[in-house]
Amino acid sequence: MFQLDGKVALVTGAAGGLGTAISVALARQGADVALSDRPGVSLDETAAKVAAHGHRVAKLAIDICDLAQVRDGVAAAERELGRIDILVNNAGINRPAAGLEVTEENWDAVFDTNVKGQFFMAQAVARPMIARGWGRIVFLSSQSGLVAIAGQPVYCASKAAVILLAKTLAVEWAKHGVTVNAVAPTFVETGLTRARLANPEFRKSVIDRIPAGRLALPEDVAAAVAYLASEEARMVTGAVLSVDGGWTAV
């Protein structure tokens, strides 16, 4: 089950953390993978891990906040690997700040990446998916899009926007055989969270709120993405798959 033989995936934010784990999981299930990240960011480590599973891999420099790079990057992936069957919108940023401390620059940077950039990536790949009658688009949201996290109003708002964006596109594109879903992880120890989780008090406060009693692993999130990318998930669209150890169930 959940095999992706013959499929081609594009993963944004693929240089490390969740992006690497997702890319490897898709390759393990049989997909060729186009890896993308911001210009100047090395994709070599992820590419080596993907190639170890015997599938084709492409490396692309795409700043998803730059719409010209989005268009050119998608076109390059299609030239190199033939098409894109699966998009994983993983690229995202977080700049924690309490409500009274949020600046316009902070707001714009987070929304340009987490919402605007993810939307235009989805739009760019959806046109040929619709023409072929098959596609999988997975947005990386967060439990922060479902419940409030103090000190992160901008991030929470952006991840909530991602969920409604995925739902709306799912409704529009379902009749064309293209599913659109969101994955909402709890805290995962990656470059985005490592500094805060290094604080013992903060780390304990996070784990105390997770009924499973631990942080999520990148592989936990990657497995959810691989399922949503599969043929078996063909009737799952407009869904939010929480990978949070029960945090949002409480």
Protein backbone atom coordinates (compact mmCIF):
# COMPACT_ATOMS: atom_id res chain seq x y z
CA MET A 1 0.00 0.00 0.00
CA PHE A 2 0.87 3.67 -0.45
CA GLN A 3 3.35 2.97 -3.22
CA LEU A 4 4.33 5.92 -5.42
CA ASP A 5 6.12 4.04 -8.21
CA GLY A 6 6.22 6.12 -11.38
CA LYS A 7 5.17 9.34 -9.63
CA VAL A 8 7.16 12.57 -9.48
CA ALA A 9 7.08 14.76 -6.38
CA LEU A 10 8.24 18.33 -5.78
CA VAL A 11 9.09 19.23 -2.18
CA THR A 12 9.73 22.83 -1.16
CA GLY A 13 11.94 23.69 1.79
CA ALA A 14 13.73 20.40 1.18
CA ALA A 15 17.19 21.24 2.52
CA GLY A 16 16.68 19.87 6.02
CA GLY A 17 14.32 18.96 8.85
CA LEU A 18 10.84 18.07 7.69
CA GLY A 19 11.77 18.70 4.05
CA THR A 20 14.48 16.06 4.11
CA ALA A 21 12.32 13.52 5.95
CA ILE A 22 9.41 14.03 3.55
CA SER A 23 11.62 13.80 0.47
CA VAL A 24 13.19 10.55 1.70
CA ALA A 25 9.80 9.06 2.60
CA LEU A 26 8.43 9.78 -0.87
CA ALA A 27 11.52 8.26 -2.49
CA ARG A 28 11.25 5.21 -0.24
CA GLN A 29 7.70 4.73 -1.53
CA GLY A 30 8.93 4.85 -5.12
CA ALA A 31 8.73 8.47 -6.27
CA ASP A 32 11.27 10.52 -8.16
CA VAL A 33 11.77 13.76 -6.25
CA ALA A 34 12.47 17.35 -7.23
CA LEU A 35 13.99 19.16 -4.27
CA SER A 36 13.73 22.91 -3.88
CA ASP A 37 14.92 25.51 -1.43
CA ARG A 38 16.01 29.13 -1.45
CA PRO A 39 18.92 30.11 -3.73
CA GLY A 40 22.22 29.52 -2.01
CA VAL A 41 20.90 26.77 0.27
CA SER A 42 22.57 23.41 -0.31
CA LEU A 43 20.34 20.48 -1.22
CA ASP A 44 23.23 18.03 -1.53
CA GLU A 45 22.58 16.13 1.72
CA THR A 46 18.89 15.59 1.00
CA ALA A 47 19.65 14.68 -2.61
CA ALA A 48 22.11 11.99 -1.52
CA LYS A 49 19.54 10.46 0.84
CA VAL A 50 16.88 10.45 -1.88
CA ALA A 51 19.24 9.01 -4.51
CA ALA A 52 20.13 6.18 -2.13
CA HIS A 53 16.66 4.76 -2.80
CA GLY A 54 17.46 4.44 -6.50
CA HIS A 55 15.19 7.15 -7.86
CA ARG A 56 15.81 10.25 -9.92
CA VAL A 57 16.41 13.49 -8.05
CA ALA A 58 16.53 17.10 -9.21
CA LYS A 59 17.79 20.12 -7.27
CA LEU A 60 16.10 23.49 -7.79
CA ALA A 61 16.67 26.97 -6.38
CA ILE A 62 13.23 28.46 -5.70
CA ASP A 63 12.40 31.33 -3.40
CA ILE A 64 8.66 30.80 -3.19
CA CYS A 65 8.17 34.49 -2.36
CA ASP A 66 9.39 35.32 -5.88
CA LEU A 67 6.66 34.41 -8.36
CA ALA A 68 9.06 34.41 -11.31
CA GLN A 69 11.21 31.84 -9.49
CA VAL A 70 8.08 29.80 -8.74
CA ARG A 71 7.10 29.68 -12.42
CA ASP A 72 10.64 29.03 -13.64
CA GLY A 73 11.32 26.42 -10.94
CA VAL A 74 8.18 24.43 -11.70
CA ALA A 75 9.00 24.54 -15.40
CA ALA A 76 12.54 23.33 -14.69
CA ALA A 77 11.24 20.43 -12.60
CA GLU A 78 8.91 19.42 -15.41
CA ARG A 79 11.72 19.58 -17.95
CA GLU A 80 14.08 17.52 -15.83
CA LEU A 81 11.68 14.89 -14.49
CA GLY A 82 8.86 15.02 -17.04
CA ARG A 83 5.98 16.29 -14.87
CA ILE A 84 4.91 16.92 -11.29
CA ASP A 85 2.33 14.56 -9.81
CA ILE A 86 2.76 15.51 -6.15
CA LEU A 87 3.51 18.88 -4.57
CA VAL A 88 4.47 19.11 -0.90
CA ASN A 89 4.26 22.74 0.17
CA ASN A 90 6.68 22.44 3.07
CA ALA A 91 8.61 25.73 2.90
CA GLY A 92 7.70 28.06 5.74
CA ILE A 93 9.09 30.44 8.33
CA ASN A 94 8.27 31.50 11.87
CA ARG A 95 9.29 34.73 13.57
CA PRO A 96 7.74 34.54 17.05
CA ALA A 97 6.63 37.85 18.51
CA ALA A 98 3.90 38.79 20.94
CA GLY A 99 0.96 40.72 19.54
CA LEU A 100 2.16 44.11 20.75
CA GLU A 101 5.61 43.49 19.28
CA VAL A 102 4.64 42.37 15.76
CA THR A 103 5.94 44.68 13.01
CA GLU A 104 4.67 45.08 9.49
CA GLU A 105 7.88 43.52 8.18
CA ASN A 106 7.36 40.49 10.44
CA TRP A 107 3.77 40.08 9.27
CA ASP A 108 4.60 40.44 5.58
CA ALA A 109 7.57 38.06 5.70
CA VAL A 110 5.57 35.28 7.36
CA PHE A 111 2.48 35.65 5.17
CA ASP A 112 4.48 36.03 1.95
CA THR A 113 6.17 32.67 2.60
CA ASN A 114 3.57 30.63 4.46
CA VAL A 115 0.49 31.70 2.52
CA LYS A 116 1.22 33.64 -0.67
CA GLY A 117 4.20 31.52 -1.69
CA GLN A 118 2.44 28.25 -0.95
CA PHE A 119 -0.64 29.33 -2.89
CA PHE A 120 1.26 30.26 -6.04
CA MET A 121 3.28 27.03 -5.90
CA ALA A 122 -0.02 25.13 -5.81
CA GLN A 123 -1.45 27.17 -8.65
CA ALA A 124 1.64 26.59 -10.81
CA VAL A 125 1.55 22.79 -10.48
CA ALA A 126 -2.24 22.45 -10.56
CA ARG A 127 -2.76 23.47 -14.18
CA PRO A 128 -0.97 20.44 -15.70
CA MET A 129 -2.31 18.17 -12.93
CA ILE A 130 -5.85 19.17 -13.88
CA ALA A 131 -5.09 18.60 -17.56
CA ARG A 132 -3.88 15.05 -16.74
CA GLY A 133 -6.73 14.33 -14.31
CA TRP A 134 -4.51 13.34 -11.35
CA GLY A 135 -2.58 15.20 -8.71
CA ARG A 136 -1.76 15.43 -5.02
CA ILE A 137 -1.07 18.71 -3.21
CA VAL A 138 -0.15 18.64 0.47
CA PHE A 139 0.22 21.86 2.47
CA LEU A 140 2.26 21.85 5.67
CA SER A 141 0.17 23.70 8.20
CA SER A 142 0.61 23.30 11.96
CA GLN A 143 -1.33 22.65 15.13
CA SER A 144 -0.82 26.42 15.45
CA GLY A 145 -3.41 26.76 12.69
CA LEU A 146 -5.94 24.95 14.88
CA VAL A 147 -5.20 26.23 18.40
CA ALA A 148 -3.68 29.43 19.73
CA ILE A 149 -0.03 29.52 20.79
CA ALA A 150 0.85 32.55 22.91
CA GLY A 151 3.59 34.69 21.40
CA GLN A 152 2.88 33.54 17.84
CA PRO A 153 -0.17 35.44 16.53
CA VAL A 154 1.29 35.91 13.05
CA TYR A 155 2.43 32.30 12.65
CA CYS A 156 -0.90 30.99 13.97
CA ALA A 157 -2.84 33.24 11.59
CA SER A 158 -0.72 32.15 8.62
CA LYS A 159 -1.12 28.45 9.38
CA ALA A 160 -4.88 28.85 9.87
CA ALA A 161 -4.96 30.56 6.47
CA VAL A 162 -3.14 27.59 4.94
CA ILE A 163 -5.85 25.24 6.20
CA LEU A 164 -8.70 27.22 4.63
CA LEU A 165 -6.64 27.68 1.47
CA ALA A 166 -6.21 23.90 1.18
CA LYS A 167 -9.90 23.31 1.80
CA THR A 168 -10.98 25.84 -0.81
CA LEU A 169 -8.64 24.51 -3.49
CA ALA A 170 -9.76 20.98 -2.63
CA VAL A 171 -13.37 21.93 -3.38
CA GLU A 172 -12.41 23.63 -6.64
CA TRP A 173 -10.15 20.88 -7.97
CA ALA A 174 -11.74 17.65 -6.70
CA LYS A 175 -13.69 17.11 -9.92
CA HIS A 176 -10.39 17.10 -11.82
CA GLY A 177 -8.85 14.26 -9.80
CA VAL A 178 -6.58 16.59 -7.80
CA THR A 179 -6.69 16.27 -4.02
CA VAL A 180 -5.55 19.05 -1.71
CA ASN A 181 -4.95 18.43 1.98
CA ALA A 182 -3.06 19.85 4.95
CA VAL A 183 -0.87 18.21 7.56
CA ALA A 184 -0.80 19.89 10.98
CA PRO A 185 2.15 18.74 13.12
CA THR A 186 2.84 19.56 16.72
CA PHE A 187 6.33 20.69 17.73
CA VAL A 188 9.08 18.87 15.84
CA GLU A 189 12.71 19.53 16.73
CA THR A 190 14.05 21.15 13.56
CA GLY A 191 16.04 24.25 12.71
CA LEU A 192 12.82 26.24 13.05
CA THR A 193 12.20 25.21 16.67
CA ARG A 194 15.52 23.97 18.06
CA ALA A 195 16.53 27.21 19.79
CA ARG A 196 13.25 27.50 21.71
CA LEU A 197 13.14 23.80 22.57
CA ALA A 198 16.64 24.10 24.02
CA ASN A 199 15.04 25.98 26.91
CA PRO A 200 14.20 23.21 29.44
CA GLU A 201 11.17 25.03 30.83
CA PHE A 202 9.70 25.66 27.38
CA ARG A 203 10.41 22.10 26.26
CA LYS A 204 8.70 20.69 29.35
CA SER A 205 5.69 22.97 28.86
CA VAL A 206 5.33 21.67 25.28
CA ILE A 207 5.66 17.98 26.15
CA ASP A 208 3.28 18.36 29.08
CA ARG A 209 0.57 19.44 26.61
CA ILE A 210 1.06 16.46 24.29
CA PRO A 211 -0.91 13.43 25.55
CA ALA A 212 1.53 11.11 23.76
CA GLY A 213 4.26 12.53 26.00
CA ARG A 214 6.83 13.33 23.33
CA LEU A 215 7.62 15.64 20.45
CA ALA A 216 6.79 14.53 16.93
CA LEU A 217 9.63 13.17 14.82
CA PRO A 218 10.17 14.37 11.25
CA GLU A 219 9.43 10.81 10.13
CA ASP A 220 6.00 10.95 11.82
CA VAL A 221 5.07 13.93 9.68
CA ALA A 222 6.62 12.43 6.54
CA ALA A 223 4.52 9.27 6.90
CA ALA A 224 1.33 11.36 6.96
CA VAL A 225 2.43 13.19 3.81
CA ALA A 226 3.25 9.92 2.03
CA TYR A 227 -0.24 8.61 2.79
CA LEU A 228 -1.94 11.74 1.45
CA ALA A 229 0.22 11.54 -1.69
CA SER A 230 -0.87 7.97 -2.40
CA GLU A 231 -3.60 6.48 -4.56
CA GLU A 232 -5.20 5.05 -1.42
CA ALA A 233 -5.99 8.62 -0.30
CA ARG A 234 -7.94 9.41 -3.47
CA MET A 235 -11.15 10.15 -1.51
CA VAL A 236 -9.36 12.26 1.09
CA THR A 237 -9.44 15.92 0.08
CA GLY A 238 -9.98 19.12 2.01
CA ALA A 239 -8.81 17.32 5.16
CA VAL A 240 -6.48 18.37 7.94
CA LEU A 241 -4.41 15.47 9.24
CA SER A 242 -3.11 16.35 12.70
CA VAL A 243 0.19 14.77 13.70
CA ASP A 244 0.21 16.14 17.21
CA GLY A 245 0.09 13.28 19.71
CA GLY A 246 -3.36 14.42 20.79
CA TRP A 247 -2.62 18.10 21.58
CA THR A 248 -5.60 19.48 19.64
CA ALA A 249 -7.94 16.72 20.90
CA VAL A 250 -7.76 17.98 24.49
